[in-house]
Amino acid sequence: MTTNEERKKDENSVSLLHDNTVAPRDDRKARGLVLRGVVPYLSHSGWSPAHDRPDPVELLQLSDRGRIPELVQIRYGRMLKTPFTFYRGAANVMARDLATTPATGVRVQLCGDCHALNFGAFATPERNVSFDIVDFDETLPGPWEWDLKRLTASLVLLARDNSISPADARASAEAAARAYREKMAEFARMSILDIWYAHFDWENVVAQVSGHGLKKDLQDCLKKAQKRSIQHYYFPKLTHSQHGKQVITDDPPLIYHAKDDKEFADRMGRGLQLYRESLQGDKRRLIDRYQLCDIAIKVVGVGSVGTTCAVALFMSGDNEPLFLQLKEARKSVLEEHAGKSPFQSHGQRVVEGQRIIQSASDIFLGWFKLDDGKHFYVRQLRDTKVKLVTDHWEGQHLIDMAGMMGAVLARAHARSGDSAIITGYLGKSEMFDRAVADFSVLYADQVEKDYAALAAAVRAGRIQAQTDI
């Protein structure tokens, strides 16, 4: 069994992918089979905190370093909503915990923060709608088990948020693990290129879920996203005319111009010039057809709140808008446990990881680094993006979608890792699926304890939280 101590790297180590695809497929499956004796399925089923496990609140406070001070309390306010929202903002806590769990040593490009709400649908460059993983702030090469366990534990927490029965909560975790195992077996029989071309069409996802209510909800989510065009919906909603120029409308504390607005805009403007150089030649020609008009800070997500995130408004000569989102890219929470990123720029780490994992990526993806040492990546803002609305999901809805997510995760890992070795390890029985489901229930219990610790810290005044936003 690969222990945490054996996995730890020295300060000069780099996190790289483990790739044995030069060997025959059957030989690689056989090596995966051998791993079952090294890391038995049942070893994945347990969870208990290490005796020296740090205080989760202290870990969260460590991650506050470098964040915009006045926004940190919004972050904690969002985390306090439910144990699941706490989980979304506490990726660094689970990263440390996962590093103590059994792993086969087979590495893939990890999402790094693979929870249920980091899946969604979006329009590809060809304008097809694809279902995929959509957030990559923590992406890094590492053990495939870490992504899967973060996903399955999130499903149990989401089920508890929705008052879904414990049996269905556990079944959703098992469904994700089973779909991962079965889909990985399909990829193990496919060529490398066929794996790379594989994708999940949104219409097929909708067709495969059971229940008219869920089908209609998913279809409505897409229709709503398609109606909300940049030109006719977001542009008038997010901007107004000022002195004959379109500027971003302030909506503090979630959208606002920085106190040192001109200095901030100038810094980001220089950064966007560097961003341009990270694009392919044809995309540079495309972005050159727009002119930067305004830039403002925009609070997003849960874990990202307090990091420097901004929205930039560009306009073409024909008054056609383009919004780009600029997100600060910090060191992945996995680096302490899986090794350093091979990229000097964390923005490039995110972009390269996204391109490896997704079947199709945003044409405007790029990165830059500011003189103050902050790293950023850039993507389009709200381009036919379908966000899953889970509030009314019932047990079978969650189980169906959990299976879809597990299958998507298998495809993501098969693109970068060795599907034959992973399939050789997973085999055909459901023992692994059940073991991961057992872990997920136990770890969800741990998250609820950590959530209670944060709530107690807020009540005691140790942490400031703004819950009215």
Protein backbone atom coordinates (compact mmCIF):
# COMPACT_ATOMS: atom_id res chain seq x y z
CA MET A 1 0.00 0.00 0.00
CA THR A 2 1.27 3.46 -0.89
CA THR A 3 1.40 5.48 2.34
CA ASN A 4 1.34 9.21 2.80
CA GLU A 5 4.99 9.18 3.87
CA GLU A 6 6.02 7.27 0.74
CA ARG A 7 4.12 9.72 -1.44
CA LYS A 8 5.58 12.86 0.08
CA LYS A 9 8.02 14.67 -2.16
CA ASP A 10 10.97 16.87 -1.28
CA GLU A 11 10.84 20.57 -2.10
CA ASN A 12 12.36 20.07 -5.53
CA SER A 13 9.93 17.36 -6.62
CA VAL A 14 7.54 17.89 -9.51
CA SER A 15 4.11 16.31 -10.00
CA LEU A 16 4.18 14.42 -13.31
CA LEU A 17 1.85 11.94 -14.94
CA HIS A 18 2.59 8.23 -14.63
CA ASP A 19 2.32 6.89 -18.18
CA ASN A 20 2.90 3.28 -19.24
CA THR A 21 0.95 3.39 -22.51
CA VAL A 22 4.02 2.22 -24.46
CA ALA A 23 3.52 -1.31 -23.09
CA PRO A 24 0.90 -3.71 -24.55
CA ARG A 25 -2.62 -3.20 -23.20
CA ASP A 26 -2.94 -6.72 -21.75
CA ASP A 27 0.35 -6.35 -19.89
CA ARG A 28 -0.85 -3.11 -18.34
CA LYS A 29 -4.15 -4.70 -17.28
CA ALA A 30 -2.15 -7.48 -15.65
CA ARG A 31 -0.15 -4.91 -13.67
CA GLY A 32 -3.42 -3.39 -12.52
CA LEU A 33 -4.59 -6.81 -11.38
CA VAL A 34 -1.43 -7.19 -9.29
CA LEU A 35 -2.23 -3.88 -7.56
CA ARG A 36 -5.35 -5.44 -6.02
CA GLY A 37 -3.09 -7.41 -3.72
CA VAL A 38 -1.11 -4.30 -2.80
CA VAL A 39 -4.12 -2.01 -2.22
CA PRO A 40 -7.15 -4.25 -1.45
CA TYR A 41 -10.58 -2.88 -2.27
CA LEU A 42 -11.64 -2.91 1.37
CA SER A 43 -8.77 -0.59 2.25
CA HIS A 44 -10.72 2.19 0.51
CA SER A 45 -13.79 1.75 2.70
CA GLY A 46 -12.63 3.23 5.96
CA TRP A 47 -12.08 6.73 7.22
CA SER A 48 -10.87 8.01 10.55
CA PRO A 49 -8.95 11.24 11.13
CA ALA A 50 -5.24 10.92 11.79
CA HIS A 51 -4.20 11.54 15.39
CA ASP A 52 -2.24 14.59 14.26
CA ARG A 53 -4.95 15.92 11.92
CA PRO A 54 -4.78 19.73 12.02
CA ASP A 55 -7.67 21.89 13.17
CA PRO A 56 -9.79 22.37 10.00
CA VAL A 57 -10.50 25.99 10.93
CA GLU A 58 -6.77 26.70 11.15
CA LEU A 59 -6.29 25.15 7.70
CA LEU A 60 -9.01 27.40 6.31
CA GLN A 61 -7.38 30.44 7.87
CA LEU A 62 -4.06 29.50 6.26
CA SER A 63 -5.77 29.63 2.88
CA ASP A 64 -6.97 33.19 3.65
CA ARG A 65 -3.45 34.51 3.14
CA GLY A 66 -3.27 36.78 0.12
CA ARG A 67 -7.05 37.11 -0.24
CA ILE A 68 -8.80 40.48 -0.36
CA PRO A 69 -9.49 41.06 3.39
CA GLU A 70 -12.97 42.57 3.04
CA LEU A 71 -14.14 39.58 0.97
CA VAL A 72 -12.94 36.82 3.31
CA GLN A 73 -16.00 37.16 5.54
CA ILE A 74 -18.22 36.65 2.46
CA ARG A 75 -16.36 33.41 1.80
CA TYR A 76 -17.09 32.16 5.31
CA GLY A 77 -20.69 33.31 5.06
CA ARG A 78 -21.15 31.18 1.96
CA MET A 79 -19.41 28.20 3.59
CA LEU A 80 -21.76 28.42 6.58
CA LYS A 81 -24.87 27.87 4.47
CA THR A 82 -24.70 24.04 4.64
CA PRO A 83 -22.08 21.31 5.16
CA PHE A 84 -21.98 20.91 1.36
CA THR A 85 -21.14 24.58 0.77
CA PHE A 86 -18.51 24.25 3.51
CA TYR A 87 -17.09 21.28 1.60
CA ARG A 88 -16.87 23.34 -1.59
CA GLY A 89 -14.75 25.94 0.17
CA ALA A 90 -12.56 23.50 2.08
CA ALA A 91 -10.66 21.74 -0.70
CA ASN A 92 -7.39 22.18 1.18
CA VAL A 93 -8.78 20.31 4.18
CA MET A 94 -9.77 17.29 2.13
CA ALA A 95 -6.54 17.38 0.13
CA ARG A 96 -4.64 16.78 3.35
CA ASP A 97 -7.05 14.03 4.36
CA LEU A 98 -6.89 12.26 1.00
CA ALA A 99 -3.11 12.16 1.24
CA THR A 100 -3.50 9.79 4.20
CA THR A 101 -5.77 7.35 2.32
CA PRO A 102 -4.72 4.26 0.29
CA ALA A 103 -3.81 4.78 -3.36
CA THR A 104 -2.51 2.53 -6.12
CA GLY A 105 0.13 5.01 -7.26
CA VAL A 106 -1.39 5.30 -10.75
CA ARG A 107 -1.55 8.98 -11.66
CA VAL A 108 -3.83 11.03 -13.89
CA GLN A 109 -4.46 14.71 -14.49
CA LEU A 110 -6.76 15.48 -11.57
CA CYS A 111 -9.54 18.04 -11.55
CA GLY A 112 -8.40 18.56 -7.96
CA ASP A 113 -11.76 19.85 -6.71
CA CYS A 114 -14.11 17.26 -8.17
CA HIS A 115 -17.43 17.85 -6.44
CA ALA A 116 -20.94 17.52 -7.85
CA LEU A 117 -21.38 21.22 -8.70
CA ASN A 118 -18.14 21.31 -10.68
CA PHE A 119 -19.97 19.49 -13.47
CA GLY A 120 -22.08 21.29 -16.03
CA ALA A 121 -22.80 21.81 -19.70
CA PHE A 122 -21.40 24.39 -22.09
CA ALA A 123 -21.20 25.21 -25.78
CA THR A 124 -18.05 23.88 -27.44
CA PRO A 125 -16.20 25.92 -30.09
CA GLU A 126 -18.30 24.02 -32.64
CA ARG A 127 -21.40 25.22 -30.69
CA ASN A 128 -22.40 21.72 -29.64
CA VAL A 129 -23.44 21.41 -25.99
CA SER A 130 -21.22 19.10 -23.96
CA PHE A 131 -21.49 17.80 -20.38
CA ASP A 132 -18.16 17.89 -18.57
CA ILE A 133 -16.12 19.03 -15.60
CA VAL A 134 -16.06 22.83 -15.55
CA ASP A 135 -13.67 24.04 -12.83
CA PHE A 136 -9.91 23.42 -12.68
CA ASP A 137 -8.41 25.80 -10.13
CA GLU A 138 -6.74 22.90 -8.28
CA THR A 139 -5.82 20.69 -11.25
CA LEU A 140 -2.58 18.72 -10.90
CA PRO A 141 -1.30 15.22 -11.71
CA GLY A 142 -2.05 12.87 -8.83
CA PRO A 143 -3.74 9.61 -7.74
CA TRP A 144 -6.99 8.96 -9.62
CA GLU A 145 -8.68 7.85 -6.39
CA TRP A 146 -8.56 11.41 -4.98
CA ASP A 147 -10.91 12.87 -7.60
CA LEU A 148 -13.31 9.96 -7.35
CA LYS A 149 -13.52 10.08 -3.55
CA ARG A 150 -14.03 13.86 -3.52
CA LEU A 151 -16.89 13.42 -6.00
CA THR A 152 -18.58 10.58 -4.16
CA ALA A 153 -18.37 12.27 -0.75
CA SER A 154 -19.87 15.42 -2.28
CA LEU A 155 -22.84 13.40 -3.53
CA VAL A 156 -23.60 12.16 -0.01
CA LEU A 157 -23.42 15.73 1.31
CA LEU A 158 -25.64 17.01 -1.49
CA ALA A 159 -28.14 14.26 -0.71
CA ARG A 160 -28.21 15.29 2.93
CA ASP A 161 -28.76 18.93 1.91
CA ASN A 162 -31.80 17.80 -0.08
CA SER A 163 -33.13 15.58 2.74
CA ILE A 164 -32.65 12.51 0.54
CA SER A 165 -32.70 9.20 2.41
CA PRO A 166 -29.40 7.77 3.71
CA ALA A 167 -29.92 4.72 1.47
CA ASP A 168 -30.19 6.86 -1.67
CA ALA A 169 -27.33 9.07 -0.53
CA ARG A 170 -25.08 6.04 -0.30
CA ALA A 171 -26.50 4.67 -3.55
CA SER A 172 -25.52 7.88 -5.37
CA ALA A 173 -21.90 7.49 -4.26
CA GLU A 174 -21.93 3.85 -5.33
CA ALA A 175 -23.50 4.79 -8.69
CA ALA A 176 -20.69 7.26 -9.41
CA ALA A 177 -18.01 4.70 -8.53
CA ARG A 178 -19.74 1.99 -10.59
CA ALA A 179 -20.09 4.26 -13.63
CA TYR A 180 -16.44 5.26 -13.30
CA ARG A 181 -15.36 1.60 -13.22
CA GLU A 182 -17.59 0.50 -16.10
CA LYS A 183 -16.77 3.48 -18.32
CA MET A 184 -13.05 3.08 -17.63
CA ALA A 185 -13.36 -0.53 -18.85
CA GLU A 186 -14.83 0.78 -22.12
CA PHE A 187 -11.95 3.20 -22.54
CA ALA A 188 -9.45 0.44 -21.83
CA ARG A 189 -10.67 -1.26 -25.03
CA MET A 190 -10.43 1.92 -27.13
CA SER A 191 -7.53 3.48 -28.97
CA ILE A 192 -5.78 6.52 -27.53
CA LEU A 193 -7.26 8.75 -30.25
CA ASP A 194 -10.78 7.40 -29.76
CA ILE A 195 -10.51 8.19 -26.04
CA TRP A 196 -9.37 11.70 -26.88
CA TYR A 197 -12.32 12.29 -29.21
CA ALA A 198 -14.90 10.89 -26.76
CA HIS A 199 -17.38 13.38 -25.31
CA PHE A 200 -20.74 13.49 -23.53
CA ASP A 201 -23.42 15.23 -25.55
CA TRP A 202 -25.93 17.07 -23.34
CA GLU A 203 -28.93 15.70 -25.23
CA ASN A 204 -27.72 12.15 -24.63
CA VAL A 205 -27.26 12.90 -20.93
CA VAL A 206 -30.84 14.17 -20.73
CA ALA A 207 -32.13 11.13 -22.63
CA GLN A 208 -30.45 8.69 -20.23
CA VAL A 209 -31.83 10.06 -16.95
CA SER A 210 -35.05 8.63 -15.58
CA GLY A 211 -38.08 10.65 -14.59
CA HIS A 212 -39.89 13.26 -16.64
CA GLY A 213 -39.32 15.93 -14.00
CA LEU A 214 -35.52 15.70 -14.13
CA LYS A 215 -35.50 15.54 -17.93
CA LYS A 216 -37.59 18.70 -18.10
CA ASP A 217 -35.41 20.50 -15.54
CA LEU A 218 -32.24 19.70 -17.51
CA GLN A 219 -33.84 20.75 -20.80
CA ASP A 220 -35.08 23.99 -19.23
CA CYS A 221 -31.58 24.75 -17.88
CA LEU A 222 -30.20 24.54 -21.42
CA LYS A 223 -33.02 26.62 -22.94
CA LYS A 224 -32.48 29.31 -20.32
CA ALA A 225 -28.72 29.38 -20.96
CA GLN A 226 -29.24 29.60 -24.73
CA LYS A 227 -31.68 32.50 -24.37
CA ARG A 228 -29.30 34.46 -22.16
CA SER A 229 -26.97 35.69 -24.88
CA ILE A 230 -24.02 37.94 -24.15
CA GLN A 231 -25.32 40.63 -26.54
CA HIS A 232 -28.95 40.80 -25.43
CA TYR A 233 -28.98 39.57 -21.83
CA TYR A 234 -25.68 39.90 -19.97
CA PHE A 235 -24.47 43.05 -21.71
CA PRO A 236 -27.42 45.25 -20.64
CA LYS A 237 -27.55 43.52 -17.27
CA LEU A 238 -23.88 44.04 -16.40
CA THR A 239 -23.10 47.41 -18.01
CA HIS A 240 -24.35 50.95 -18.48
CA SER A 241 -23.31 53.98 -20.51
CA GLN A 242 -21.13 56.56 -18.80
CA HIS A 243 -19.78 59.62 -20.63
CA GLY A 244 -20.50 57.92 -23.93
CA LYS A 245 -18.65 54.75 -22.96
CA GLN A 246 -19.93 51.35 -21.78
CA VAL A 247 -18.72 50.49 -18.28
CA ILE A 248 -19.41 47.66 -15.87
CA THR A 249 -22.17 48.45 -13.38
CA ASP A 250 -21.14 48.26 -9.72
CA ASP A 251 -23.18 45.92 -7.51
CA PRO A 252 -21.15 45.84 -4.29
CA PRO A 253 -19.91 43.76 -2.64
CA LEU A 254 -20.12 41.20 -5.46
CA ILE A 255 -19.17 43.42 -8.43
CA TYR A 256 -17.27 46.66 -7.91
CA HIS A 257 -14.43 48.77 -9.18
CA ALA A 258 -11.30 48.60 -7.04
CA LYS A 259 -10.47 51.47 -4.68
CA ASP A 260 -7.34 52.10 -6.71
CA ASP A 261 -9.40 51.65 -9.86
CA LYS A 262 -7.05 53.27 -12.38
CA GLU A 263 -3.98 51.50 -10.98
CA PHE A 264 -5.85 48.17 -10.84
CA ALA A 265 -7.15 48.61 -14.40
CA ASP A 266 -3.67 49.53 -15.64
CA ARG A 267 -2.11 46.46 -13.97
CA MET A 268 -4.75 44.16 -15.39
CA GLY A 269 -4.49 45.82 -18.78
CA ARG A 270 -0.76 45.03 -18.85
CA GLY A 271 -1.60 41.51 -17.76
CA LEU A 272 -4.06 41.13 -20.61
CA GLN A 273 -1.33 42.09 -23.05
CA LEU A 274 0.72 39.19 -21.66
CA TYR A 275 -2.40 37.00 -21.82
CA ARG A 276 -2.60 37.71 -25.54
CA GLU A 277 0.82 36.12 -26.01
CA SER A 278 -0.43 32.88 -24.40
CA LEU A 279 -3.06 32.45 -27.15
CA GLN A 280 -2.64 30.66 -30.45
CA GLY A 281 -2.02 32.93 -33.45
CA ASP A 282 -5.58 32.71 -34.76
CA LYS A 283 -7.01 33.52 -31.33
CA ARG A 284 -4.70 36.54 -31.07
CA ARG A 285 -6.17 37.80 -34.32
CA LEU A 286 -9.64 37.26 -32.84
CA ILE A 287 -8.99 39.11 -29.56
CA ASP A 288 -7.34 41.96 -31.49
CA ARG A 289 -10.72 42.76 -33.02
CA TYR A 290 -11.91 43.90 -29.58
CA GLN A 291 -10.81 46.78 -27.40
CA LEU A 292 -10.67 46.66 -23.59
CA CYS A 293 -13.23 49.13 -22.19
CA ASP A 294 -13.52 48.41 -18.47
CA ILE A 295 -12.57 45.97 -15.74
CA ALA A 296 -14.04 45.34 -12.27
CA ILE A 297 -13.66 42.89 -9.41
CA LYS A 298 -16.29 40.14 -9.41
CA VAL A 299 -16.83 37.69 -6.55
CA VAL A 300 -17.39 34.12 -7.74
CA GLY A 301 -17.97 30.68 -6.26
CA VAL A 302 -17.17 29.63 -2.70
CA GLY A 303 -13.54 28.55 -2.54
CA SER A 304 -12.46 31.39 -4.84
CA VAL A 305 -14.06 34.18 -2.80
CA GLY A 306 -11.42 36.66 -1.71
CA THR A 307 -8.92 35.77 -4.40
CA THR A 308 -8.48 38.41 -7.08
CA CYS A 309 -11.18 37.67 -9.66
CA ALA A 310 -12.31 40.21 -12.21
CA VAL A 311 -14.50 40.64 -15.25
CA ALA A 312 -13.22 42.57 -18.27
CA LEU A 313 -15.50 44.18 -20.84
CA PHE A 314 -14.28 44.34 -24.44
CA MET A 315 -16.10 45.98 -27.33
CA SER A 316 -15.68 45.54 -31.07
CA GLY A 317 -15.83 48.36 -33.61
CA ASP A 318 -19.47 47.38 -34.24
CA ASN A 319 -20.34 47.62 -30.51
CA GLU A 320 -20.39 43.87 -30.01
CA PRO A 321 -19.46 42.94 -26.41
CA LEU A 322 -17.09 40.27 -25.15
CA PHE A 323 -16.72 39.49 -21.43
CA LEU A 324 -13.63 37.73 -20.15
CA GLN A 325 -13.22 36.44 -16.62
CA LEU A 326 -9.80 36.84 -15.00
CA LYS A 327 -9.26 34.48 -12.07
CA GLU A 328 -6.29 34.44 -9.75
CA ALA A 329 -4.52 31.07 -9.92
CA ARG A 330 -2.85 30.14 -6.65
CA LYS A 331 -0.79 27.09 -5.81
CA SER A 332 -2.95 23.97 -6.04
CA VAL A 333 -4.04 22.61 -2.66
CA LEU A 334 -2.72 19.24 -3.88
CA GLU A 335 0.89 20.35 -4.39
CA GLU A 336 1.94 19.76 -0.79
CA HIS A 337 0.83 16.15 -1.13
CA ALA A 338 1.28 15.23 -4.82
CA GLY A 339 4.31 17.30 -5.84
CA LYS A 340 4.87 20.70 -7.42
CA SER A 341 3.32 21.73 -10.69
CA PRO A 342 5.63 21.32 -13.68
CA PHE A 343 4.61 24.84 -14.80
CA GLN A 344 6.13 28.02 -13.41
CA SER A 345 2.81 29.81 -13.98
CA HIS A 346 -0.19 28.59 -11.99
CA GLY A 347 -2.37 30.15 -14.66
CA GLN A 348 -0.74 27.91 -17.23
CA ARG A 349 -1.15 24.96 -14.83
CA VAL A 350 -4.91 25.54 -14.80
CA VAL A 351 -5.20 26.08 -18.56
CA GLU A 352 -3.07 23.08 -19.53
CA GLY A 353 -4.90 20.89 -17.04
CA GLN A 354 -8.28 21.99 -18.38
CA ARG A 355 -7.23 21.27 -21.95
CA ILE A 356 -6.12 17.77 -20.95
CA ILE A 357 -9.28 16.96 -19.00
CA GLN A 358 -12.07 18.52 -21.07
CA SER A 359 -13.20 17.11 -24.40
CA ALA A 360 -13.41 20.69 -25.74
CA SER A 361 -12.26 23.90 -24.11
CA ASP A 362 -12.93 27.63 -24.31
CA ILE A 363 -11.14 29.24 -27.27
CA PHE A 364 -10.17 32.21 -25.09
CA LEU A 365 -8.33 30.17 -22.42
CA GLY A 366 -5.00 31.76 -21.55
CA TRP A 367 -2.85 33.01 -18.68
CA PHE A 368 -0.58 35.79 -17.43
CA LYS A 369 1.47 36.82 -14.41
CA LEU A 370 1.58 40.29 -12.85
CA ASP A 371 4.66 42.06 -11.55
CA ASP A 372 3.41 41.58 -7.97
CA GLY A 373 3.76 37.81 -8.41
CA LYS A 374 0.06 37.00 -8.77
CA HIS A 375 -0.85 34.45 -11.43
CA PHE A 376 -4.09 34.50 -13.46
CA TYR A 377 -5.95 32.49 -16.03
CA VAL A 378 -8.55 33.89 -18.41
CA ARG A 379 -11.73 32.44 -19.90
CA GLN A 380 -15.02 33.64 -21.35
CA LEU A 381 -17.74 34.70 -18.94
CA ARG A 382 -21.08 32.90 -19.34
CA ASP A 383 -20.94 31.59 -22.87
CA THR A 384 -23.96 29.21 -22.99
CA LYS A 385 -22.97 27.67 -19.68
CA VAL A 386 -25.52 25.36 -18.06
CA LYS A 387 -25.26 25.26 -14.28
CA LEU A 388 -26.86 22.28 -12.59
CA VAL A 389 -29.75 23.30 -10.34
CA THR A 390 -29.85 20.56 -7.72
CA ASP A 391 -32.19 22.04 -5.09
CA HIS A 392 -35.18 19.90 -6.08
CA TRP A 393 -33.40 16.67 -7.00
CA GLU A 394 -34.84 13.60 -5.36
CA GLY A 395 -33.09 10.31 -4.66
CA GLN A 396 -33.31 8.76 -8.13
CA HIS A 397 -32.44 12.08 -9.77
CA LEU A 398 -29.21 12.24 -7.79
CA ILE A 399 -28.39 8.59 -8.48
CA ASP A 400 -28.88 9.08 -12.23
CA MET A 401 -26.74 12.20 -12.38
CA ALA A 402 -24.10 10.62 -10.13
CA GLY A 403 -23.69 7.91 -12.75
CA MET A 404 -23.21 10.53 -15.46
CA MET A 405 -20.61 12.33 -13.38
CA GLY A 406 -18.71 9.13 -12.67
CA ALA A 407 -18.62 8.31 -16.38
CA VAL A 408 -17.42 11.83 -17.28
CA LEU A 409 -14.68 11.57 -14.66
CA ALA A 410 -13.54 8.25 -16.13
CA ARG A 411 -13.23 9.87 -19.54
CA ALA A 412 -11.28 12.77 -18.05
CA HIS A 413 -8.83 10.41 -16.36
CA ALA A 414 -8.54 8.11 -19.39
CA ARG A 415 -7.36 11.06 -21.50
CA SER A 416 -4.29 11.56 -19.33
CA GLY A 417 -3.80 8.32 -17.41
CA ASP A 418 -3.66 4.63 -18.18
CA SER A 419 -7.17 3.23 -18.49
CA ALA A 420 -5.82 -0.33 -18.89
CA ILE A 421 -3.98 -0.36 -15.55
CA ILE A 422 -6.91 1.30 -13.74
CA THR A 423 -9.35 -1.21 -15.30
CA GLY A 424 -7.08 -4.11 -14.41
CA TYR A 425 -7.24 -2.91 -10.82
CA LEU A 426 -10.99 -2.17 -10.70
CA GLY A 427 -12.11 -5.41 -12.37
CA LYS A 428 -15.76 -6.35 -12.86
CA SER A 429 -17.09 -6.83 -9.33
CA GLU A 430 -18.87 -4.15 -7.29
CA MET A 431 -16.57 -4.54 -4.27
CA PHE A 432 -14.65 -1.36 -5.08
CA ASP A 433 -17.86 0.62 -5.66
CA ARG A 434 -19.21 -0.42 -2.27
CA ALA A 435 -15.93 0.37 -0.53
CA VAL A 436 -15.85 3.90 -1.94
CA ALA A 437 -19.50 4.41 -0.95
CA ASP A 438 -18.63 3.34 2.60
CA PHE A 439 -15.79 5.87 2.68
CA SER A 440 -18.05 8.59 1.32
CA VAL A 441 -20.62 8.22 4.09
CA LEU A 442 -17.92 8.25 6.76
CA TYR A 443 -16.17 11.23 5.24
CA ALA A 444 -19.44 13.14 4.92
CA ASP A 445 -19.80 12.65 8.69
CA GLN A 446 -16.32 14.16 9.10
CA VAL A 447 -17.29 17.16 6.96
CA GLU A 448 -20.31 17.79 9.15
CA LYS A 449 -18.03 17.84 12.21
CA ASP A 450 -15.66 20.26 10.47
CA TYR A 451 -18.62 22.43 9.46
CA ALA A 452 -19.74 22.50 13.10
CA ALA A 453 -16.21 23.56 14.10
CA LEU A 454 -16.39 26.51 11.69
CA ALA A 455 -19.82 27.49 12.98
CA ALA A 456 -18.50 27.38 16.55
CA ALA A 457 -15.52 29.54 15.55
CA VAL A 458 -17.90 32.13 14.07
CA ARG A 459 -20.07 32.15 17.20
CA ALA A 460 -16.95 32.61 19.34
CA GLY A 461 -15.79 35.56 17.21
CA ARG A 462 -12.69 33.70 16.06
CA ILE A 463 -13.92 33.95 12.45
CA GLN A 464 -15.91 36.80 10.90
CA ALA A 465 -18.65 35.71 8.50
CA GLN A 466 -21.11 37.73 6.43
CA THR A 467 -24.19 35.60 5.85
CA ASP A 468 -26.63 38.16 4.43
CA ILE A 469 -25.32 38.03 0.84
